[in-house]
Amino acid sequence: MRDSLTFARLAEKARDPSASLHEQHAAFGEIVRQSQYIVFGLALASLRDVEDAKDAAQDAYANAWHRLRQLRDPAALIPWLRRIVATACTRQRRKRREEPGEQLALHATVEPADDTIDYQSAIASALKRLPAGERDVTVLFYFLGYTIPQISKLLRLKPGTVGKRLHSARLRIRRGLSRSVRADFVQLAPSKQFLARVGRGLLDEYVGEYRFVSRPDHVVTITRERDSLVSEAGGQRHVLVSVGSQSLLVTDYDGEGRFRRNRRGEVTHFVYYEFGKRMGVARKTPR
C-alpha cells in the first residue's frame, strides 16, 4: 500500500494556504494519481458497475478536494478517503433509484432470460474475491488502462511481479466466472517477447509428442509454427502462451501444462490442469 508519509506530505501541500493554487492542485493531482486504483476498486466492488464506479470515484475526489482542510490527521488520508468513497457509492445507489419512472418500471418488470449474464456484476464479484495485491493490478490494468511498467512504478513492484499477479488474477477470474463471460474478459495472447523466443527456436524443447499415462491412446502434440507454439489433441488445435519457465497455457480456455525435467534438464513430461483441477500426467515420447 502507499506510504502514509507520502500521502501526508501531499495532503499538507494540497491544503497549504501559503502555497499557490497551482501547487495545491498539483499536490492533489498526485494524490489522485497514487490513490485512484484504491478509490476505483472500492467503488467497483461496492457498486458492481463500471460506469457507476467511475462516477462515484469522481464524486469522491471532488468532495475530498473541497473538504481537505477538515482532515485532522494528514497521515490518515487513505482511511478518510475510503469513507468518502463509501458515501459517494451510497449517493450513486440513491441516484439509481431516483431514475425517471419509465426506467424504473422497465428495470422492475423486465426479467432477464435464465441464460443472460449480468456481465459487469459478474466481473465486479470476481474482482472482489481476488487477493488485494492481484485486485490492485487487475483494476489498474483492465479498468484504468495502466501499462505494466506504469503499474510497476505506481505500486513500487518489479514488472515481473506485476505480470505474475496479472496472470494469477486472470486464472482466478477465469475459474470464478461462467464460461460465457470468462472467454470475453480474459482472453490470453502471447507476448512479443514470447513470440520472438518461439520464432528463434528457443522453446523447441517443448515440441514433441506426449501420451497420458492413464490414457496412452490420448496423444498431445506440440509443434512450432513460425513464431507460435500450437498443441493438437483429439482434432482440436490451441495456441499456447508462456506463464513461466516451466508452464504453458492454452489461450482460449483454462488449460495449463506444468512441465517437468530430468537431471540433465530435458523436458520429460507435463502435469495437465484444467480450471485448476489436476487432470493427469502426459509423458514425452522419446524421439
C-alpha atoms as a PDB file:
ATOM      1  CA  MET A   1       0.000   0.000   0.000  1.00  0.00           C
ATOM      2  CA  ARG A   2       1.008   3.602  -0.493  1.00  0.00           C
ATOM      3  CA  ASP A   3       3.363   5.153   2.073  1.00  0.00           C
ATOM      4  CA  SER A   4       1.230   7.153   4.543  1.00  0.00           C
ATOM      5  CA  LEU A   5       4.021   9.705   4.972  1.00  0.00           C
ATOM      6  CA  THR A   6       3.975  10.441   1.252  1.00  0.00           C
ATOM      7  CA  PHE A   7       0.226  10.981   1.339  1.00  0.00           C
ATOM      8  CA  ALA A   8       0.579  13.125   4.467  1.00  0.00           C
ATOM      9  CA  ARG A   9       3.069  15.431   2.744  1.00  0.00           C
ATOM     10  CA  LEU A  10       0.868  15.688  -0.344  1.00  0.00           C
ATOM     11  CA  ALA A  11      -2.221  16.426   1.747  1.00  0.00           C
ATOM     12  CA  GLU A  12      -0.386  19.153   3.656  1.00  0.00           C
ATOM     13  CA  LYS A  13       0.791  20.740   0.418  1.00  0.00           C
ATOM     14  CA  ALA A  14      -2.640  20.480  -1.217  1.00  0.00           C
ATOM     15  CA  ARG A  15      -4.270  22.435   1.609  1.00  0.00           C
ATOM     16  CA  ASP A  16      -1.390  24.787   2.435  1.00  0.00           C
ATOM     17  CA  PRO A  17      -2.794  28.361   2.279  1.00  0.00           C
ATOM     18  CA  SER A  18       0.694  29.742   1.651  1.00  0.00           C
ATOM     19  CA  ALA A  19       1.120  27.593  -1.485  1.00  0.00           C
ATOM     20  CA  SER A  20      -0.063  28.835  -4.845  1.00  0.00           C
ATOM     21  CA  LEU A  21      -3.281  27.409  -6.278  1.00  0.00           C
ATOM     22  CA  HIS A  22      -1.195  25.699  -8.964  1.00  0.00           C
ATOM     23  CA  GLU A  23       0.933  23.988  -6.306  1.00  0.00           C
ATOM     24  CA  GLN A  24      -2.142  22.924  -4.358  1.00  0.00           C
ATOM     25  CA  HIS A  25      -3.754  21.472  -7.493  1.00  0.00           C
ATOM     26  CA  ALA A  26      -0.520  19.689  -8.424  1.00  0.00           C
ATOM     27  CA  ALA A  27      -0.277  18.070  -4.982  1.00  0.00           C
ATOM     28  CA  PHE A  28      -3.905  16.952  -5.055  1.00  0.00           C
ATOM     29  CA  GLY A  29      -3.428  15.654  -8.585  1.00  0.00           C
ATOM     30  CA  GLU A  30      -0.619  13.470  -7.285  1.00  0.00           C
ATOM     31  CA  ILE A  31      -2.924  12.194  -4.540  1.00  0.00           C
ATOM     32  CA  VAL A  32      -5.428  11.238  -7.222  1.00  0.00           C
ATOM     33  CA  ARG A  33      -2.760   9.556  -9.325  1.00  0.00           C
ATOM     34  CA  GLN A  34      -1.443   7.496  -6.430  1.00  0.00           C
ATOM     35  CA  SER A  35      -4.798   6.541  -4.900  1.00  0.00           C
ATOM     36  CA  GLN A  36      -7.108   6.106  -7.885  1.00  0.00           C
ATOM     37  CA  TYR A  37      -6.654   2.329  -8.076  1.00  0.00           C
ATOM     38  CA  ILE A  38      -7.826   2.112  -4.443  1.00  0.00           C
ATOM     39  CA  VAL A  39     -10.737   4.501  -4.959  1.00  0.00           C
ATOM     40  CA  PHE A  40     -11.955   2.933  -8.185  1.00  0.00           C
ATOM     41  CA  GLY A  41     -11.500  -0.590  -6.841  1.00  0.00           C
ATOM     42  CA  LEU A  42     -13.586   0.211  -3.752  1.00  0.00           C
ATOM     43  CA  ALA A  43     -16.303   1.847  -5.856  1.00  0.00           C
ATOM     44  CA  LEU A  44     -16.405  -1.036  -8.328  1.00  0.00           C
ATOM     45  CA  ALA A  45     -16.586  -3.653  -5.571  1.00  0.00           C
ATOM     46  CA  SER A  46     -19.433  -1.735  -3.926  1.00  0.00           C
ATOM     47  CA  LEU A  47     -21.491  -0.758  -6.983  1.00  0.00           C
ATOM     48  CA  ARG A  48     -20.625  -3.631  -9.337  1.00  0.00           C
ATOM     49  CA  ASP A  49     -20.968  -1.374 -12.354  1.00  0.00           C
ATOM     50  CA  VAL A  50     -18.018   0.173 -14.172  1.00  0.00           C
ATOM     51  CA  GLU A  51     -19.721   3.440 -15.190  1.00  0.00           C
ATOM     52  CA  ASP A  52     -21.311   3.927 -11.764  1.00  0.00           C
ATOM     53  CA  ALA A  53     -17.923   3.269 -10.151  1.00  0.00           C
ATOM     54  CA  LYS A  54     -16.301   5.928 -12.334  1.00  0.00           C
ATOM     55  CA  ASP A  55     -18.990   8.444 -11.365  1.00  0.00           C
ATOM     56  CA  ALA A  56     -18.638   7.612  -7.675  1.00  0.00           C
ATOM     57  CA  ALA A  57     -14.838   7.911  -7.836  1.00  0.00           C
ATOM     58  CA  GLN A  58     -15.117  11.323  -9.499  1.00  0.00           C
ATOM     59  CA  ASP A  59     -17.673  12.420  -6.899  1.00  0.00           C
ATOM     60  CA  ALA A  60     -15.417  11.197  -4.086  1.00  0.00           C
ATOM     61  CA  TYR A  61     -12.410  13.146  -5.322  1.00  0.00           C
ATOM     62  CA  ALA A  62     -14.456  16.312  -5.794  1.00  0.00           C
ATOM     63  CA  ASN A  63     -15.696  16.070  -2.202  1.00  0.00           C
ATOM     64  CA  ALA A  64     -12.228  15.229  -0.894  1.00  0.00           C
ATOM     65  CA  TRP A  65     -10.808  18.358  -2.552  1.00  0.00           C
ATOM     66  CA  HIS A  66     -13.463  20.616  -1.025  1.00  0.00           C
ATOM     67  CA  ARG A  67     -13.190  19.022   2.436  1.00  0.00           C
ATOM     68  CA  LEU A  68      -9.422  18.512   2.568  1.00  0.00           C
ATOM     69  CA  ARG A  69      -8.906  21.111   5.302  1.00  0.00           C
ATOM     70  CA  GLN A  70     -11.312  19.154   7.526  1.00  0.00           C
ATOM     71  CA  LEU A  71      -8.881  16.219   7.603  1.00  0.00           C
ATOM     72  CA  ARG A  72      -7.377  16.302  11.098  1.00  0.00           C
ATOM     73  CA  ASP A  73      -4.503  13.866  10.535  1.00  0.00           C
ATOM     74  CA  PRO A  74      -2.966  14.047   7.034  1.00  0.00           C
ATOM     75  CA  ALA A  75      -1.361  10.633   7.595  1.00  0.00           C
ATOM     76  CA  ALA A  76      -4.891   9.161   7.752  1.00  0.00           C
ATOM     77  CA  LEU A  77      -5.723  10.373   4.239  1.00  0.00           C
ATOM     78  CA  ILE A  78      -6.468   6.937   2.762  1.00  0.00           C
ATOM     79  CA  PRO A  79      -8.863   5.749   5.530  1.00  0.00           C
ATOM     80  CA  TRP A  80     -10.559   9.160   5.306  1.00  0.00           C
ATOM     81  CA  LEU A  81     -10.797   8.829   1.529  1.00  0.00           C
ATOM     82  CA  ARG A  82     -12.276   5.345   1.878  1.00  0.00           C
ATOM     83  CA  ARG A  83     -15.128   6.766   3.974  1.00  0.00           C
ATOM     84  CA  ILE A  84     -15.766   9.452   1.355  1.00  0.00           C
ATOM     85  CA  VAL A  85     -15.893   6.765  -1.346  1.00  0.00           C
ATOM     86  CA  ALA A  86     -18.429   4.787   0.691  1.00  0.00           C
ATOM     87  CA  THR A  87     -20.612   7.894   0.954  1.00  0.00           C
ATOM     88  CA  ALA A  88     -20.235   8.560  -2.791  1.00  0.00           C
ATOM     89  CA  CYS A  89     -21.331   4.985  -3.531  1.00  0.00           C
ATOM     90  CA  THR A  90     -24.403   5.452  -1.332  1.00  0.00           C
ATOM     91  CA  ARG A  91     -25.289   8.596  -3.293  1.00  0.00           C
ATOM     92  CA  GLN A  92     -24.769   6.749  -6.555  1.00  0.00           C
ATOM     93  CA  ARG A  93     -27.119   3.949  -5.497  1.00  0.00           C
ATOM     94  CA  ARG A  94     -29.704   6.542  -4.448  1.00  0.00           C
ATOM     95  CA  LYS A  95     -29.310   8.217  -7.828  1.00  0.00           C
ATOM     96  CA  ARG A  96     -30.067   4.896  -9.498  1.00  0.00           C
ATOM     97  CA  ARG A  97     -33.311   4.567  -7.543  1.00  0.00           C
ATOM     98  CA  GLU A  98     -34.308   8.111  -8.473  1.00  0.00           C
ATOM     99  CA  GLU A  99     -34.167   7.493 -12.216  1.00  0.00           C
ATOM    100  CA  PRO A 100     -37.259   8.534 -14.246  1.00  0.00           C
ATOM    101  CA  GLY A 101     -40.331   6.389 -13.695  1.00  0.00           C
ATOM    102  CA  GLU A 102     -40.166   4.756 -17.117  1.00  0.00           C
ATOM    103  CA  GLN A 103     -36.684   3.421 -16.459  1.00  0.00           C
ATOM    104  CA  LEU A 104     -37.627   2.216 -13.001  1.00  0.00           C
ATOM    105  CA  ALA A 105     -40.640   0.414 -14.385  1.00  0.00           C
ATOM    106  CA  LEU A 106     -38.501  -1.191 -17.058  1.00  0.00           C
ATOM    107  CA  HIS A 107     -35.947  -2.432 -14.535  1.00  0.00           C
ATOM    108  CA  ALA A 108     -38.686  -3.689 -12.266  1.00  0.00           C
ATOM    109  CA  THR A 109     -40.768  -5.549 -14.804  1.00  0.00           C
ATOM    110  CA  VAL A 110     -38.314  -6.941 -17.339  1.00  0.00           C
ATOM    111  CA  GLU A 111     -36.581 -10.023 -16.022  1.00  0.00           C
ATOM    112  CA  PRO A 112     -33.504 -11.305 -17.848  1.00  0.00           C
ATOM    113  CA  ALA A 113     -33.619 -14.696 -19.503  1.00  0.00           C
ATOM    114  CA  ASP A 114     -32.197 -17.562 -17.472  1.00  0.00           C
ATOM    115  CA  ASP A 115     -29.105 -17.731 -19.661  1.00  0.00           C
ATOM    116  CA  THR A 116     -28.424 -13.975 -19.573  1.00  0.00           C
ATOM    117  CA  ILE A 117     -25.409 -12.927 -17.523  1.00  0.00           C
ATOM    118  CA  ASP A 118     -25.023  -9.574 -15.773  1.00  0.00           C
ATOM    119  CA  TYR A 119     -21.543  -9.101 -17.197  1.00  0.00           C
ATOM    120  CA  GLN A 120     -20.388  -6.185 -15.081  1.00  0.00           C
ATOM    121  CA  SER A 121     -21.755  -7.608 -11.835  1.00  0.00           C
ATOM    122  CA  ALA A 122     -20.040 -10.913 -12.566  1.00  0.00           C
ATOM    123  CA  ILE A 123     -16.716  -9.194 -13.192  1.00  0.00           C
ATOM    124  CA  ALA A 124     -17.050  -6.987 -10.096  1.00  0.00           C
ATOM    125  CA  SER A 125     -17.889 -10.022  -7.978  1.00  0.00           C
ATOM    126  CA  ALA A 126     -14.865 -11.876  -9.360  1.00  0.00           C
ATOM    127  CA  LEU A 127     -12.647  -8.866  -8.606  1.00  0.00           C
ATOM    128  CA  LYS A 128     -13.914  -8.723  -5.032  1.00  0.00           C
ATOM    129  CA  ARG A 129     -12.796 -12.319  -4.470  1.00  0.00           C
ATOM    130  CA  LEU A 130      -9.230 -11.658  -5.614  1.00  0.00           C
ATOM    131  CA  PRO A 131      -6.430 -11.201  -3.053  1.00  0.00           C
ATOM    132  CA  ALA A 132      -5.726  -7.491  -2.546  1.00  0.00           C
ATOM    133  CA  GLY A 133      -2.449  -7.468  -4.482  1.00  0.00           C
ATOM    134  CA  GLU A 134      -3.984  -9.177  -7.509  1.00  0.00           C
ATOM    135  CA  ARG A 135      -7.096  -6.992  -7.379  1.00  0.00           C
ATOM    136  CA  ASP A 136      -4.995  -3.824  -7.374  1.00  0.00           C
ATOM    137  CA  VAL A 137      -3.056  -4.686 -10.532  1.00  0.00           C
ATOM    138  CA  THR A 138      -6.165  -6.037 -12.277  1.00  0.00           C
ATOM    139  CA  VAL A 139      -8.162  -2.839 -11.706  1.00  0.00           C
ATOM    140  CA  LEU A 140      -5.234  -0.715 -12.847  1.00  0.00           C
ATOM    141  CA  PHE A 141      -4.551  -2.820 -15.941  1.00  0.00           C
ATOM    142  CA  TYR A 142      -8.050  -3.694 -17.202  1.00  0.00           C
ATOM    143  CA  PHE A 143     -10.195  -0.808 -15.996  1.00  0.00           C
ATOM    144  CA  LEU A 144      -7.868   2.177 -15.681  1.00  0.00           C
ATOM    145  CA  GLY A 145      -5.702   1.348 -18.686  1.00  0.00           C
ATOM    146  CA  TYR A 146      -2.307   1.371 -16.973  1.00  0.00           C
ATOM    147  CA  THR A 147       0.586  -0.500 -18.597  1.00  0.00           C
ATOM    148  CA  ILE A 148       2.700  -2.984 -16.655  1.00  0.00           C
ATOM    149  CA  PRO A 149       5.650  -0.535 -16.391  1.00  0.00           C
ATOM    150  CA  GLN A 150       3.270   2.159 -15.096  1.00  0.00           C
ATOM    151  CA  ILE A 151       1.746  -0.222 -12.548  1.00  0.00           C
ATOM    152  CA  SER A 152       5.240  -1.284 -11.519  1.00  0.00           C
ATOM    153  CA  LYS A 153       6.203   2.319 -10.825  1.00  0.00           C
ATOM    154  CA  LEU A 154       2.905   3.197  -9.142  1.00  0.00           C
ATOM    155  CA  LEU A 155       2.902   0.225  -6.767  1.00  0.00           C
ATOM    156  CA  ARG A 156       6.685   0.042  -6.393  1.00  0.00           C
ATOM    157  CA  LEU A 157       6.808  -3.527  -7.661  1.00  0.00           C
ATOM    158  CA  LYS A 158       9.075  -5.255 -10.144  1.00  0.00           C
ATOM    159  CA  PRO A 159       7.495  -5.578 -13.630  1.00  0.00           C
ATOM    160  CA  GLY A 160       7.823  -9.352 -13.335  1.00  0.00           C
ATOM    161  CA  THR A 161       5.843  -9.312 -10.082  1.00  0.00           C
ATOM    162  CA  VAL A 162       3.084  -7.272 -11.726  1.00  0.00           C
ATOM    163  CA  GLY A 163       2.967  -9.720 -14.637  1.00  0.00           C
ATOM    164  CA  LYS A 164       2.748 -12.722 -12.307  1.00  0.00           C
ATOM    165  CA  ARG A 165      -0.069 -11.101 -10.311  1.00  0.00           C
ATOM    166  CA  LEU A 166      -1.986 -10.319 -13.507  1.00  0.00           C
ATOM    167  CA  HIS A 167      -1.561 -13.888 -14.698  1.00  0.00           C
ATOM    168  CA  SER A 168      -2.681 -15.323 -11.358  1.00  0.00           C
ATOM    169  CA  ALA A 169      -5.667 -12.939 -11.283  1.00  0.00           C
ATOM    170  CA  ARG A 170      -6.680 -13.954 -14.809  1.00  0.00           C
ATOM    171  CA  LEU A 171      -6.685 -17.601 -13.776  1.00  0.00           C
ATOM    172  CA  ARG A 172      -8.757 -16.930 -10.661  1.00  0.00           C
ATOM    173  CA  ILE A 173     -11.241 -14.853 -12.662  1.00  0.00           C
ATOM    174  CA  ARG A 174     -11.487 -17.453 -15.407  1.00  0.00           C
ATOM    175  CA  ARG A 175     -12.243 -20.130 -12.823  1.00  0.00           C
ATOM    176  CA  GLY A 176     -14.779 -17.981 -10.999  1.00  0.00           C
ATOM    177  CA  LEU A 177     -16.862 -16.852 -13.979  1.00  0.00           C
ATOM    178  CA  SER A 178     -19.365 -18.665 -16.118  1.00  0.00           C
ATOM    179  CA  ARG A 179     -17.918 -19.864 -19.420  1.00  0.00           C
ATOM    180  CA  SER A 180     -19.873 -17.290 -21.457  1.00  0.00           C
ATOM    181  CA  VAL A 181     -18.328 -14.362 -19.520  1.00  0.00           C
ATOM    182  CA  ARG A 182     -14.917 -15.907 -18.898  1.00  0.00           C
ATOM    183  CA  ALA A 183     -13.839 -16.075 -22.527  1.00  0.00           C
ATOM    184  CA  ASP A 184     -14.711 -12.433 -23.260  1.00  0.00           C
ATOM    185  CA  PHE A 185     -12.882 -10.940 -20.315  1.00  0.00           C
ATOM    186  CA  VAL A 186      -9.625 -12.800 -20.062  1.00  0.00           C
ATOM    187  CA  GLN A 187      -8.549 -13.970 -23.483  1.00  0.00           C
ATOM    188  CA  LEU A 188      -4.805 -14.513 -23.289  1.00  0.00           C
ATOM    189  CA  ALA A 189      -2.384 -13.532 -26.019  1.00  0.00           C
ATOM    190  CA  PRO A 190       1.299 -14.391 -26.477  1.00  0.00           C
ATOM    191  CA  SER A 191       3.612 -11.509 -25.621  1.00  0.00           C
ATOM    192  CA  LYS A 192       6.008 -10.086 -28.219  1.00  0.00           C
ATOM    193  CA  GLN A 193       8.912 -11.468 -26.216  1.00  0.00           C
ATOM    194  CA  PHE A 194       7.374 -14.947 -26.183  1.00  0.00           C
ATOM    195  CA  LEU A 195       6.711 -14.849 -29.941  1.00  0.00           C
ATOM    196  CA  ALA A 196      10.301 -13.770 -30.579  1.00  0.00           C
ATOM    197  CA  ARG A 197      11.690 -16.612 -28.446  1.00  0.00           C
ATOM    198  CA  VAL A 198       9.477 -19.154 -30.204  1.00  0.00           C
ATOM    199  CA  GLY A 199      10.485 -17.803 -33.611  1.00  0.00           C
ATOM    200  CA  ARG A 200      14.170 -18.229 -32.757  1.00  0.00           C
ATOM    201  CA  GLY A 201      13.570 -21.825 -31.709  1.00  0.00           C
ATOM    202  CA  LEU A 202      14.406 -21.170 -28.067  1.00  0.00           C
ATOM    203  CA  LEU A 203      11.359 -23.112 -26.861  1.00  0.00           C
ATOM    204  CA  ASP A 204      11.697 -26.108 -29.162  1.00  0.00           C
ATOM    205  CA  GLU A 205      12.387 -28.247 -26.082  1.00  0.00           C
ATOM    206  CA  TYR A 206       8.608 -28.352 -25.582  1.00  0.00           C
ATOM    207  CA  VAL A 207       7.986 -29.569 -29.131  1.00  0.00           C
ATOM    208  CA  GLY A 208       7.110 -33.248 -29.384  1.00  0.00           C
ATOM    209  CA  GLU A 209       4.515 -35.921 -28.727  1.00  0.00           C
ATOM    210  CA  TYR A 210       3.103 -36.565 -25.274  1.00  0.00           C
ATOM    211  CA  ARG A 211       0.957 -39.510 -24.113  1.00  0.00           C
ATOM    212  CA  PHE A 212      -1.127 -39.528 -20.934  1.00  0.00           C
ATOM    213  CA  VAL A 213      -0.097 -42.245 -18.509  1.00  0.00           C
ATOM    214  CA  SER A 214      -3.684 -43.189 -17.659  1.00  0.00           C
ATOM    215  CA  ARG A 215      -4.818 -42.953 -21.313  1.00  0.00           C
ATOM    216  CA  PRO A 216      -1.998 -43.970 -23.676  1.00  0.00           C
ATOM    217  CA  ASP A 217      -4.335 -43.527 -26.643  1.00  0.00           C
ATOM    218  CA  HIS A 218      -4.756 -39.826 -25.807  1.00  0.00           C
ATOM    219  CA  VAL A 219      -1.912 -38.042 -27.601  1.00  0.00           C
ATOM    220  CA  VAL A 220      -0.989 -34.373 -27.359  1.00  0.00           C
ATOM    221  CA  THR A 221       1.362 -32.984 -29.990  1.00  0.00           C
ATOM    222  CA  ILE A 222       3.138 -29.650 -29.577  1.00  0.00           C
ATOM    223  CA  THR A 223       4.604 -28.092 -32.715  1.00  0.00           C
ATOM    224  CA  ARG A 224       6.214 -24.799 -33.662  1.00  0.00           C
ATOM    225  CA  GLU A 225       4.555 -22.868 -36.487  1.00  0.00           C
ATOM    226  CA  ARG A 226       6.739 -19.840 -37.243  1.00  0.00           C
ATOM    227  CA  ASP A 227       6.505 -17.806 -34.033  1.00  0.00           C
ATOM    228  CA  SER A 228       3.713 -19.812 -32.385  1.00  0.00           C
ATOM    229  CA  LEU A 229       3.565 -22.935 -30.276  1.00  0.00           C
ATOM    230  CA  VAL A 230       0.475 -24.989 -31.071  1.00  0.00           C
ATOM    231  CA  SER A 231      -0.948 -28.041 -29.332  1.00  0.00           C
ATOM    232  CA  GLU A 232      -3.129 -30.624 -31.063  1.00  0.00           C
ATOM    233  CA  ALA A 233      -5.201 -33.289 -29.332  1.00  0.00           C
ATOM    234  CA  GLY A 234      -8.370 -35.081 -30.363  1.00  0.00           C
ATOM    235  CA  GLY A 235      -8.698 -32.982 -33.514  1.00  0.00           C
ATOM    236  CA  GLN A 236      -8.511 -29.677 -31.619  1.00  0.00           C
ATOM    237  CA  ARG A 237      -5.799 -27.055 -32.064  1.00  0.00           C
ATOM    238  CA  HIS A 238      -4.854 -24.477 -29.439  1.00  0.00           C
ATOM    239  CA  VAL A 239      -2.297 -21.681 -29.406  1.00  0.00           C
ATOM    240  CA  LEU A 240      -0.080 -21.756 -26.330  1.00  0.00           C
ATOM    241  CA  VAL A 241       1.424 -18.954 -24.250  1.00  0.00           C
ATOM    242  CA  SER A 242       4.159 -18.964 -21.647  1.00  0.00           C
ATOM    243  CA  VAL A 243       3.391 -18.314 -17.982  1.00  0.00           C
ATOM    244  CA  GLY A 244       6.850 -19.010 -16.664  1.00  0.00           C
ATOM    245  CA  SER A 245       9.874 -21.130 -17.416  1.00  0.00           C
ATOM    246  CA  GLN A 246       8.072 -24.390 -16.656  1.00  0.00           C
ATOM    247  CA  SER A 247       4.497 -23.816 -17.791  1.00  0.00           C
ATOM    248  CA  LEU A 248       2.415 -23.306 -20.946  1.00  0.00           C
ATOM    249  CA  LEU A 249      -1.191 -22.135 -21.021  1.00  0.00           C
ATOM    250  CA  VAL A 250      -3.946 -22.529 -23.603  1.00  0.00           C
ATOM    251  CA  THR A 251      -5.164 -19.113 -24.787  1.00  0.00           C
ATOM    252  CA  ASP A 252      -8.897 -19.765 -25.195  1.00  0.00           C
ATOM    253  CA  TYR A 253      -9.751 -21.706 -22.039  1.00  0.00           C
ATOM    254  CA  ASP A 254      -8.157 -22.529 -18.700  1.00  0.00           C
ATOM    255  CA  GLY A 255      -5.850 -25.392 -19.595  1.00  0.00           C
ATOM    256  CA  GLU A 256      -2.297 -25.419 -18.257  1.00  0.00           C
ATOM    257  CA  GLY A 257       0.642 -27.779 -18.705  1.00  0.00           C
ATOM    258  CA  ARG A 258       3.312 -27.679 -15.990  1.00  0.00           C
ATOM    259  CA  PHE A 259       6.442 -29.260 -17.406  1.00  0.00           C
ATOM    260  CA  ARG A 260       8.968 -31.425 -15.581  1.00  0.00           C
ATOM    261  CA  ARG A 261      12.585 -32.199 -16.436  1.00  0.00           C
ATOM    262  CA  ASN A 262      15.143 -34.901 -15.725  1.00  0.00           C
ATOM    263  CA  ARG A 263      18.539 -34.331 -14.130  1.00  0.00           C
ATOM    264  CA  ARG A 264      20.007 -33.381 -17.494  1.00  0.00           C
ATOM    265  CA  GLY A 265      17.437 -30.570 -17.810  1.00  0.00           C
ATOM    266  CA  GLU A 266      15.472 -32.285 -20.580  1.00  0.00           C
ATOM    267  CA  VAL A 267      11.680 -31.964 -20.695  1.00  0.00           C
ATOM    268  CA  THR A 268      10.219 -35.378 -19.846  1.00  0.00           C
ATOM    269  CA  HIS A 269       6.516 -34.808 -19.171  1.00  0.00           C
ATOM    270  CA  PHE A 270       3.875 -32.306 -18.123  1.00  0.00           C
ATOM    271  CA  VAL A 271       1.149 -32.321 -15.499  1.00  0.00           C
ATOM    272  CA  TYR A 272      -2.104 -31.080 -17.026  1.00  0.00           C
ATOM    273  CA  TYR A 273      -4.527 -28.822 -15.130  1.00  0.00           C
ATOM    274  CA  GLU A 274      -7.933 -27.675 -16.336  1.00  0.00           C
ATOM    275  CA  PHE A 275      -9.714 -24.895 -14.413  1.00  0.00           C
ATOM    276  CA  GLY A 276      -7.332 -25.500 -11.518  1.00  0.00           C
ATOM    277  CA  LYS A 277      -8.007 -29.237 -11.281  1.00  0.00           C
ATOM    278  CA  ARG A 278      -5.240 -31.748 -11.923  1.00  0.00           C
ATOM    279  CA  MET A 279      -6.327 -33.933 -14.831  1.00  0.00           C
ATOM    280  CA  GLY A 280      -3.355 -36.207 -15.460  1.00  0.00           C
ATOM    281  CA  VAL A 281       0.289 -36.669 -16.442  1.00  0.00           C
ATOM    282  CA  ALA A 282       1.479 -36.807 -20.046  1.00  0.00           C
ATOM    283  CA  ARG A 283       4.935 -38.243 -20.761  1.00  0.00           C
ATOM    284  CA  LYS A 284       7.027 -37.103 -23.708  1.00  0.00           C
ATOM    285  CA  THR A 285       7.647 -39.801 -26.309  1.00  0.00           C
ATOM    286  CA  PRO A 286      11.387 -40.253 -26.962  1.00  0.00           C
ATOM    287  CA  ARG A 287      12.402 -39.216 -30.489  1.00  0.00           C
END
